[in-house]
């Protein structure tokens, strides 16, 4: 999804048969549907776009350029959400559903389930997939401050 002026207008003009406007409600429904499918949302910034975020992607680990670049070439293309997965060992049954869904390969399940802090981007897919609700996402102060899209929109409106 392309967000904001003049980016939306540019895409609509350049690709009139491949693009169309959607409402805020349609955007929310699309994001929720993609999350249920196991996709994560990433927000993209570019210096050429005035340092503003301009696109929201619904990414899967099989074809996302950013996640593939991180996994195959160890290039930090995707920034952490500022959160990290936390496992409640008393509830965890070690079914490995979390390990299977994690696009960053941050969870390993053997005798216990372990989250690799450095690899975990805090996307929350593991939380959604866990049948026993043994996972939560917690703010981790060792990670960057979470992106607040509303705050960015307010800052852009003031400038």
N, C-alpha and C. Protein backbone atom coordinates (compact mmCIF):
# COMPACT_ATOMS: atom_id res chain seq x y z
N UNK A 1 0.85 -1.17 0.00
CA UNK A 1 0.00 0.00 0.00
C UNK A 1 0.90 1.23 0.00
N UNK A 2 0.62 2.14 -0.90
CA UNK A 2 1.33 3.40 -0.96
C UNK A 2 0.54 4.40 -0.13
N UNK A 3 1.26 5.20 0.66
CA UNK A 3 0.60 6.08 1.62
C UNK A 3 1.05 7.52 1.42
N UNK A 4 0.09 8.45 1.44
CA UNK A 4 0.39 9.88 1.48
C UNK A 4 0.60 10.52 0.12
N UNK A 5 0.41 11.83 0.14
CA UNK A 5 0.66 12.63 -1.06
C UNK A 5 2.13 13.02 -1.09
N UNK A 6 2.76 13.13 -2.15
CA UNK A 6 2.31 12.96 -3.53
C UNK A 6 2.45 11.54 -4.04
N UNK A 7 2.87 10.61 -3.16
CA UNK A 7 3.19 9.25 -3.58
C UNK A 7 1.99 8.53 -4.18
N UNK A 8 0.83 8.62 -3.53
CA UNK A 8 -0.38 7.95 -4.03
C UNK A 8 -0.74 8.49 -5.40
N UNK A 9 -0.76 9.80 -5.54
CA UNK A 9 -1.12 10.40 -6.82
C UNK A 9 -0.18 9.96 -7.94
N UNK A 10 1.10 9.85 -7.62
CA UNK A 10 2.08 9.41 -8.61
C UNK A 10 1.78 7.99 -9.08
N UNK A 11 1.54 7.08 -8.13
CA UNK A 11 1.26 5.68 -8.48
C UNK A 11 -0.03 5.58 -9.27
N UNK A 12 -1.07 6.30 -8.86
CA UNK A 12 -2.35 6.26 -9.58
C UNK A 12 -2.17 6.75 -11.02
N UNK A 13 -1.34 7.76 -11.22
CA UNK A 13 -1.11 8.30 -12.55
C UNK A 13 -0.28 7.35 -13.41
N UNK A 14 0.76 6.76 -12.81
CA UNK A 14 1.66 5.89 -13.56
C UNK A 14 1.08 4.50 -13.84
N UNK A 15 0.22 4.02 -12.94
CA UNK A 15 -0.33 2.66 -13.05
C UNK A 15 -1.84 2.67 -12.85
N UNK A 16 -2.58 3.36 -13.71
CA UNK A 16 -4.03 3.49 -13.49
C UNK A 16 -4.79 2.17 -13.56
N UNK A 17 -4.27 1.19 -14.27
CA UNK A 17 -4.98 -0.09 -14.40
C UNK A 17 -4.57 -1.10 -13.32
N UNK A 18 -3.52 -0.79 -12.58
CA UNK A 18 -3.02 -1.70 -11.55
C UNK A 18 -3.22 -1.18 -10.13
N UNK A 19 -3.71 0.05 -10.02
CA UNK A 19 -3.83 0.63 -8.69
C UNK A 19 -5.19 1.31 -8.53
N UNK A 20 -5.59 1.45 -7.28
CA UNK A 20 -6.82 2.17 -6.96
C UNK A 20 -6.77 2.61 -5.49
N UNK A 21 -7.54 3.61 -5.18
CA UNK A 21 -7.63 4.09 -3.80
C UNK A 21 -8.47 3.12 -2.98
N UNK A 22 -8.10 3.01 -1.70
CA UNK A 22 -8.92 2.24 -0.77
C UNK A 22 -9.20 3.11 0.46
N UNK A 23 -10.24 2.74 1.18
CA UNK A 23 -10.59 3.48 2.38
C UNK A 23 -9.72 3.02 3.54
N UNK A 24 -9.74 3.78 4.61
CA UNK A 24 -8.99 3.39 5.81
C UNK A 24 -9.51 2.04 6.31
N UNK A 25 -10.81 1.83 6.30
CA UNK A 25 -11.38 0.55 6.75
C UNK A 25 -10.91 -0.60 5.86
N UNK A 26 -10.87 -0.39 4.56
CA UNK A 26 -10.38 -1.43 3.64
C UNK A 26 -8.91 -1.74 3.92
N UNK A 27 -8.13 -0.73 4.22
CA UNK A 27 -6.71 -0.93 4.54
C UNK A 27 -6.57 -1.77 5.81
N UNK A 28 -7.35 -1.46 6.82
CA UNK A 28 -7.30 -2.21 8.08
C UNK A 28 -7.70 -3.66 7.84
N UNK A 29 -8.75 -3.88 7.07
CA UNK A 29 -9.21 -5.24 6.78
C UNK A 29 -8.15 -6.02 6.01
N UNK A 30 -7.49 -5.37 5.07
CA UNK A 30 -6.43 -6.01 4.30
C UNK A 30 -5.26 -6.39 5.20
N UNK A 31 -4.85 -5.48 6.06
CA UNK A 31 -3.75 -5.76 6.99
C UNK A 31 -4.10 -6.92 7.91
N UNK A 32 -5.30 -6.92 8.46
CA UNK A 32 -5.72 -8.01 9.35
C UNK A 32 -5.76 -9.35 8.62
N UNK A 33 -6.26 -9.37 7.39
CA UNK A 33 -6.31 -10.61 6.61
C UNK A 33 -4.91 -11.13 6.31
N UNK A 34 -4.01 -10.23 5.95
CA UNK A 34 -2.64 -10.65 5.66
C UNK A 34 -1.93 -11.17 6.91
N UNK A 35 -2.18 -10.54 8.04
CA UNK A 35 -1.58 -10.99 9.30
C UNK A 35 -2.06 -12.40 9.64
N UNK A 36 -3.34 -12.66 9.42
CA UNK A 36 -3.89 -14.00 9.68
C UNK A 36 -3.25 -15.04 8.76
N UNK A 37 -2.83 -14.61 7.57
CA UNK A 37 -2.17 -15.52 6.62
C UNK A 37 -0.71 -15.77 7.00
N UNK A 38 -0.22 -15.07 8.01
CA UNK A 38 1.17 -15.26 8.43
C UNK A 38 2.13 -14.24 7.85
N UNK A 39 1.59 -13.16 7.34
CA UNK A 39 2.43 -12.10 6.79
C UNK A 39 2.62 -11.00 7.83
N UNK A 40 3.75 -10.34 7.79
CA UNK A 40 4.00 -9.23 8.70
C UNK A 40 3.94 -7.93 7.92
N UNK A 41 3.72 -6.86 8.63
CA UNK A 41 3.66 -5.56 8.00
C UNK A 41 4.99 -4.84 8.20
N UNK A 42 5.51 -4.30 7.11
CA UNK A 42 6.73 -3.51 7.18
C UNK A 42 6.43 -2.15 6.57
N UNK A 43 7.03 -1.13 7.12
CA UNK A 43 6.85 0.23 6.63
C UNK A 43 8.17 0.64 6.00
N UNK A 44 8.10 1.24 4.81
CA UNK A 44 9.31 1.58 4.06
C UNK A 44 9.51 3.08 3.99
N UNK A 45 10.75 3.49 4.19
CA UNK A 45 11.19 4.88 4.15
C UNK A 45 12.24 5.00 3.05
N UNK A 46 12.38 6.17 2.50
CA UNK A 46 13.43 6.41 1.53
C UNK A 46 13.83 7.87 1.60
N UNK A 47 15.13 8.13 1.54
CA UNK A 47 15.61 9.51 1.53
C UNK A 47 14.98 10.30 0.39
N UNK A 48 14.85 9.64 -0.78
CA UNK A 48 14.27 10.31 -1.95
C UNK A 48 12.80 10.68 -1.74
N UNK A 49 12.18 10.11 -0.74
CA UNK A 49 10.77 10.40 -0.44
C UNK A 49 10.66 11.41 0.69
N UNK A 50 11.70 12.18 0.90
CA UNK A 50 11.67 13.20 1.93
C UNK A 50 11.82 12.64 3.34
N UNK A 51 12.39 11.44 3.46
CA UNK A 51 12.57 10.82 4.77
C UNK A 51 11.27 10.34 5.38
N UNK A 52 10.20 10.33 4.59
CA UNK A 52 8.89 9.92 5.08
C UNK A 52 8.62 8.46 4.73
N UNK A 53 7.76 7.83 5.52
CA UNK A 53 7.36 6.50 5.12
C UNK A 53 6.36 6.66 3.99
N UNK A 54 6.43 5.78 3.03
CA UNK A 54 5.60 5.92 1.85
C UNK A 54 4.91 4.63 1.45
N UNK A 55 5.31 3.50 2.05
CA UNK A 55 4.69 2.24 1.67
C UNK A 55 4.57 1.33 2.88
N UNK A 56 3.49 0.60 2.91
CA UNK A 56 3.28 -0.44 3.91
C UNK A 56 3.13 -1.73 3.14
N UNK A 57 4.02 -2.67 3.40
CA UNK A 57 3.99 -3.95 2.70
C UNK A 57 3.48 -5.03 3.63
N UNK A 58 2.81 -6.00 3.05
CA UNK A 58 2.38 -7.20 3.75
C UNK A 58 3.32 -8.30 3.27
N UNK A 59 4.34 -8.59 4.09
CA UNK A 59 5.46 -9.42 3.66
C UNK A 59 5.37 -10.85 4.18
N UNK A 60 5.82 -11.78 3.34
CA UNK A 60 6.00 -13.16 3.79
C UNK A 60 7.48 -13.49 3.64
N UNK A 61 7.94 -14.46 4.41
CA UNK A 61 9.37 -14.74 4.42
C UNK A 61 9.88 -15.37 3.13
N UNK A 62 8.98 -15.86 2.28
CA UNK A 62 9.44 -16.52 1.06
C UNK A 62 9.79 -15.54 -0.06
N UNK A 63 9.24 -14.33 -0.04
CA UNK A 63 9.49 -13.45 -1.18
C UNK A 63 9.70 -11.98 -0.82
N UNK A 64 9.85 -11.65 0.44
CA UNK A 64 10.11 -10.26 0.84
C UNK A 64 11.59 -9.95 0.67
N UNK A 65 11.86 -8.92 -0.13
CA UNK A 65 13.24 -8.53 -0.39
C UNK A 65 13.98 -8.21 0.90
N UNK A 66 13.35 -7.46 1.81
CA UNK A 66 14.00 -7.06 3.04
C UNK A 66 14.34 -8.23 3.94
N UNK A 67 13.37 -9.15 4.11
CA UNK A 67 13.63 -10.31 4.98
C UNK A 67 14.62 -11.27 4.33
N UNK A 68 14.55 -11.44 3.01
CA UNK A 68 15.49 -12.31 2.31
C UNK A 68 16.91 -11.76 2.40
N UNK A 69 17.05 -10.45 2.26
CA UNK A 69 18.36 -9.81 2.36
C UNK A 69 18.96 -10.02 3.75
N UNK A 70 18.12 -9.94 4.78
CA UNK A 70 18.60 -10.19 6.14
C UNK A 70 19.05 -11.63 6.31
N UNK A 71 18.22 -12.57 5.86
CA UNK A 71 18.50 -13.99 6.08
C UNK A 71 19.70 -14.48 5.27
N UNK A 72 19.76 -14.12 4.00
CA UNK A 72 20.81 -14.66 3.13
C UNK A 72 22.11 -13.88 3.16
N UNK A 73 22.04 -12.58 3.45
CA UNK A 73 23.24 -11.75 3.34
C UNK A 73 23.58 -11.01 4.62
N UNK A 74 22.84 -11.26 5.67
CA UNK A 74 23.07 -10.65 6.98
C UNK A 74 23.11 -9.12 6.90
N UNK A 75 22.25 -8.55 6.06
CA UNK A 75 22.13 -7.10 5.94
C UNK A 75 20.88 -6.68 6.72
N UNK A 76 21.02 -5.80 7.71
CA UNK A 76 19.88 -5.43 8.56
C UNK A 76 18.89 -4.52 7.81
N UNK A 77 18.05 -5.13 6.98
CA UNK A 77 17.12 -4.39 6.15
C UNK A 77 15.82 -4.08 6.87
N UNK A 78 15.43 -4.93 7.80
CA UNK A 78 14.18 -4.76 8.55
C UNK A 78 14.54 -4.39 9.98
N UNK A 79 13.97 -3.29 10.47
CA UNK A 79 14.25 -2.85 11.84
C UNK A 79 13.27 -3.52 12.80
N UNK A 80 13.72 -3.73 13.99
CA UNK A 80 12.88 -4.32 15.03
C UNK A 80 11.70 -3.41 15.34
N UNK A 81 10.62 -4.03 15.78
CA UNK A 81 9.43 -3.28 16.19
C UNK A 81 9.63 -2.61 17.54
N UNK A 82 10.70 -2.99 18.24
CA UNK A 82 10.92 -2.49 19.60
C UNK A 82 10.40 -3.46 20.65
N UNK A 83 9.86 -4.58 20.17
CA UNK A 83 9.30 -5.60 21.04
C UNK A 83 10.02 -6.92 20.79
N UNK A 84 9.84 -7.86 21.69
CA UNK A 84 10.45 -9.18 21.54
C UNK A 84 9.48 -10.21 22.12
N UNK A 85 9.51 -11.41 21.55
CA UNK A 85 8.64 -12.49 22.03
C UNK A 85 9.15 -13.00 23.37
N UNK A 86 8.22 -13.34 24.23
CA UNK A 86 8.55 -13.90 25.54
C UNK A 86 7.72 -15.17 25.71
N UNK A 87 8.37 -16.24 26.13
CA UNK A 87 7.71 -17.54 26.27
C UNK A 87 7.46 -17.86 27.73
N UNK A 88 6.24 -18.26 28.04
CA UNK A 88 5.88 -18.73 29.38
C UNK A 88 6.12 -20.24 29.38
N UNK A 89 7.25 -20.67 29.93
CA UNK A 89 7.63 -22.09 29.94
C UNK A 89 6.61 -22.98 30.64
N UNK A 90 5.88 -22.44 31.61
CA UNK A 90 4.88 -23.23 32.33
C UNK A 90 3.70 -23.59 31.44
N UNK A 91 3.46 -22.80 30.41
CA UNK A 91 2.32 -23.02 29.51
C UNK A 91 2.75 -23.69 28.20
N UNK A 92 3.97 -23.45 27.79
CA UNK A 92 4.49 -23.95 26.52
C UNK A 92 4.52 -25.48 26.50
N UNK A 93 3.95 -26.06 25.43
CA UNK A 93 3.96 -27.52 25.26
C UNK A 93 4.96 -27.97 24.20
N UNK A 94 5.79 -27.04 23.73
CA UNK A 94 6.83 -27.31 22.76
C UNK A 94 6.31 -27.95 21.47
N UNK A 95 5.18 -27.42 20.99
CA UNK A 95 4.58 -27.92 19.75
C UNK A 95 5.32 -27.42 18.51
N UNK A 96 6.11 -26.38 18.66
CA UNK A 96 6.94 -25.77 17.61
C UNK A 96 6.14 -24.98 16.57
N UNK A 97 4.89 -24.68 16.84
CA UNK A 97 4.11 -23.84 15.91
C UNK A 97 4.77 -22.47 15.78
N UNK A 98 5.30 -21.96 16.87
CA UNK A 98 5.97 -20.65 16.86
C UNK A 98 7.24 -20.69 16.01
N UNK A 99 7.99 -21.75 16.13
CA UNK A 99 9.23 -21.91 15.37
C UNK A 99 8.93 -21.96 13.87
N UNK A 100 7.88 -22.67 13.50
CA UNK A 100 7.51 -22.82 12.08
C UNK A 100 7.08 -21.50 11.46
N UNK A 101 6.38 -20.66 12.21
CA UNK A 101 5.83 -19.42 11.63
C UNK A 101 6.80 -18.25 11.68
N UNK A 102 7.81 -18.30 12.51
CA UNK A 102 8.71 -17.14 12.68
C UNK A 102 9.49 -16.85 11.39
N UNK A 103 9.26 -15.69 10.78
CA UNK A 103 9.96 -15.37 9.54
C UNK A 103 11.43 -15.02 9.75
N UNK A 104 11.84 -14.82 10.99
CA UNK A 104 13.22 -14.43 11.28
C UNK A 104 14.02 -15.56 11.92
N UNK A 105 13.41 -16.74 12.01
CA UNK A 105 14.05 -17.90 12.62
C UNK A 105 14.61 -17.58 14.00
N UNK A 106 13.82 -16.85 14.78
CA UNK A 106 14.26 -16.38 16.09
C UNK A 106 13.86 -17.32 17.22
N UNK A 107 13.06 -18.34 16.94
CA UNK A 107 12.62 -19.26 17.99
C UNK A 107 13.10 -20.67 17.66
N UNK A 108 13.73 -21.29 18.63
CA UNK A 108 14.19 -22.67 18.51
C UNK A 108 13.50 -23.50 19.59
N UNK A 109 12.93 -24.63 19.18
CA UNK A 109 12.23 -25.50 20.13
C UNK A 109 12.92 -26.85 20.16
N UNK A 110 13.44 -27.21 21.32
CA UNK A 110 14.01 -28.54 21.58
C UNK A 110 13.39 -29.02 22.88
N UNK A 111 14.22 -29.20 23.91
CA UNK A 111 13.66 -29.52 25.23
C UNK A 111 12.87 -28.34 25.79
N UNK A 112 13.31 -27.15 25.43
CA UNK A 112 12.60 -25.92 25.80
C UNK A 112 12.49 -25.04 24.56
N UNK A 113 11.62 -24.06 24.63
CA UNK A 113 11.51 -23.08 23.55
C UNK A 113 12.33 -21.86 23.95
N UNK A 114 13.15 -21.39 23.01
CA UNK A 114 14.05 -20.28 23.30
C UNK A 114 13.92 -19.23 22.20
N UNK A 115 13.84 -17.96 22.62
CA UNK A 115 13.80 -16.84 21.69
C UNK A 115 15.20 -16.24 21.59
N UNK A 116 15.71 -16.11 20.38
CA UNK A 116 16.97 -15.44 20.14
C UNK A 116 16.68 -13.95 20.09
N UNK A 117 17.07 -13.22 21.11
CA UNK A 117 16.76 -11.80 21.25
C UNK A 117 17.21 -11.00 20.03
N UNK A 118 18.40 -11.26 19.53
CA UNK A 118 18.94 -10.47 18.42
C UNK A 118 18.15 -10.69 17.12
N UNK A 119 17.65 -11.89 16.90
CA UNK A 119 16.92 -12.20 15.67
C UNK A 119 15.46 -11.80 15.73
N UNK A 120 14.88 -11.76 16.91
CA UNK A 120 13.45 -11.47 17.06
C UNK A 120 13.17 -10.00 16.72
N UNK A 121 12.27 -9.80 15.76
CA UNK A 121 11.88 -8.45 15.34
C UNK A 121 10.59 -8.00 16.00
N UNK A 122 9.99 -8.87 16.83
CA UNK A 122 8.77 -8.49 17.56
C UNK A 122 7.55 -8.37 16.67
N UNK A 123 7.45 -9.18 15.63
CA UNK A 123 6.31 -9.09 14.70
C UNK A 123 5.03 -9.67 15.29
N UNK A 124 5.14 -10.61 16.21
CA UNK A 124 3.97 -11.15 16.88
C UNK A 124 3.31 -12.33 16.20
N UNK A 125 3.84 -12.81 15.08
CA UNK A 125 3.23 -13.96 14.43
C UNK A 125 3.21 -15.19 15.33
N UNK A 126 4.25 -15.36 16.11
CA UNK A 126 4.32 -16.51 17.02
C UNK A 126 3.20 -16.47 18.06
N UNK A 127 2.89 -15.28 18.53
CA UNK A 127 1.82 -15.11 19.52
C UNK A 127 0.49 -15.54 18.92
N UNK A 128 0.24 -15.12 17.71
CA UNK A 128 -1.01 -15.43 17.03
C UNK A 128 -1.13 -16.93 16.75
N UNK A 129 -0.02 -17.58 16.47
CA UNK A 129 -0.03 -18.98 16.07
C UNK A 129 -0.04 -19.96 17.23
N UNK A 130 0.42 -19.54 18.41
CA UNK A 130 0.54 -20.46 19.55
C UNK A 130 -0.84 -20.94 20.03
N UNK A 131 -1.09 -22.25 20.00
CA UNK A 131 -2.40 -22.77 20.41
C UNK A 131 -2.64 -22.70 21.93
N UNK A 132 -1.57 -22.50 22.69
CA UNK A 132 -1.69 -22.50 24.15
C UNK A 132 -1.53 -21.12 24.78
N UNK A 133 -1.37 -20.10 23.94
CA UNK A 133 -1.17 -18.73 24.43
C UNK A 133 0.03 -18.64 25.37
N UNK A 134 1.10 -19.34 24.99
CA UNK A 134 2.32 -19.36 25.81
C UNK A 134 3.27 -18.21 25.47
N UNK A 135 2.95 -17.46 24.43
CA UNK A 135 3.82 -16.37 24.01
C UNK A 135 3.13 -15.03 24.15
N UNK A 136 3.94 -14.04 24.46
CA UNK A 136 3.48 -12.65 24.48
C UNK A 136 4.58 -11.81 23.81
N UNK A 137 4.22 -10.60 23.45
CA UNK A 137 5.20 -9.66 22.93
C UNK A 137 5.38 -8.59 24.00
N UNK A 138 6.62 -8.35 24.38
CA UNK A 138 6.90 -7.36 25.42
C UNK A 138 7.87 -6.32 24.88
N UNK A 139 7.73 -5.11 25.37
CA UNK A 139 8.64 -4.02 25.01
C UNK A 139 10.02 -4.36 25.54
N UNK A 140 11.00 -4.23 24.70
CA UNK A 140 12.38 -4.52 25.08
C UNK A 140 13.20 -3.26 24.91
N UNK A 141 13.65 -2.68 25.98
CA UNK A 141 14.36 -1.41 25.95
C UNK A 141 15.73 -1.52 25.27
N UNK A 142 16.22 -2.75 25.06
CA UNK A 142 17.48 -2.93 24.32
C UNK A 142 17.27 -2.70 22.83
N UNK A 143 16.03 -2.72 22.40
CA UNK A 143 15.69 -2.52 20.98
C UNK A 143 15.33 -1.05 20.77
N UNK A 144 15.23 -0.66 19.52
CA UNK A 144 14.86 0.72 19.18
C UNK A 144 13.46 1.06 19.67
N UNK A 145 13.17 2.34 19.76
CA UNK A 145 11.84 2.80 20.14
C UNK A 145 10.86 2.39 19.05
N UNK A 146 9.70 1.84 19.41
CA UNK A 146 8.75 1.40 18.39
C UNK A 146 8.30 2.54 17.48
N UNK A 147 8.05 2.20 16.23
CA UNK A 147 7.55 3.15 15.25
C UNK A 147 6.10 3.48 15.57
N UNK A 148 5.79 4.75 15.70
CA UNK A 148 4.42 5.20 15.95
C UNK A 148 3.96 5.96 14.71
N UNK A 149 3.19 5.28 13.86
CA UNK A 149 2.77 5.86 12.59
C UNK A 149 1.93 7.11 12.83
N UNK A 150 1.10 7.12 13.86
CA UNK A 150 0.29 8.31 14.15
C UNK A 150 1.17 9.51 14.48
N UNK A 151 2.24 9.29 15.24
CA UNK A 151 3.16 10.37 15.57
C UNK A 151 3.84 10.90 14.30
N UNK A 152 4.24 9.99 13.40
CA UNK A 152 4.86 10.43 12.16
C UNK A 152 3.89 11.26 11.32
N UNK A 153 2.63 10.84 11.26
CA UNK A 153 1.64 11.58 10.50
C UNK A 153 1.44 12.98 11.08
N UNK A 154 1.42 13.09 12.41
CA UNK A 154 1.27 14.39 13.06
C UNK A 154 2.47 15.28 12.75
N UNK A 155 3.68 14.71 12.79
CA UNK A 155 4.89 15.48 12.49
C UNK A 155 4.87 15.98 11.05
N UNK A 156 4.42 15.13 10.13
CA UNK A 156 4.36 15.52 8.72
C UNK A 156 3.32 16.63 8.51
N UNK A 157 2.23 16.56 9.22
CA UNK A 157 1.19 17.57 9.08
C UNK A 157 1.68 18.93 9.57
N UNK A 158 2.57 18.93 10.57
CA UNK A 158 3.10 20.18 11.11
C UNK A 158 4.18 20.78 10.22
N UNK A 159 4.84 19.95 9.41
CA UNK A 159 5.94 20.47 8.58
C UNK A 159 5.46 20.97 7.23
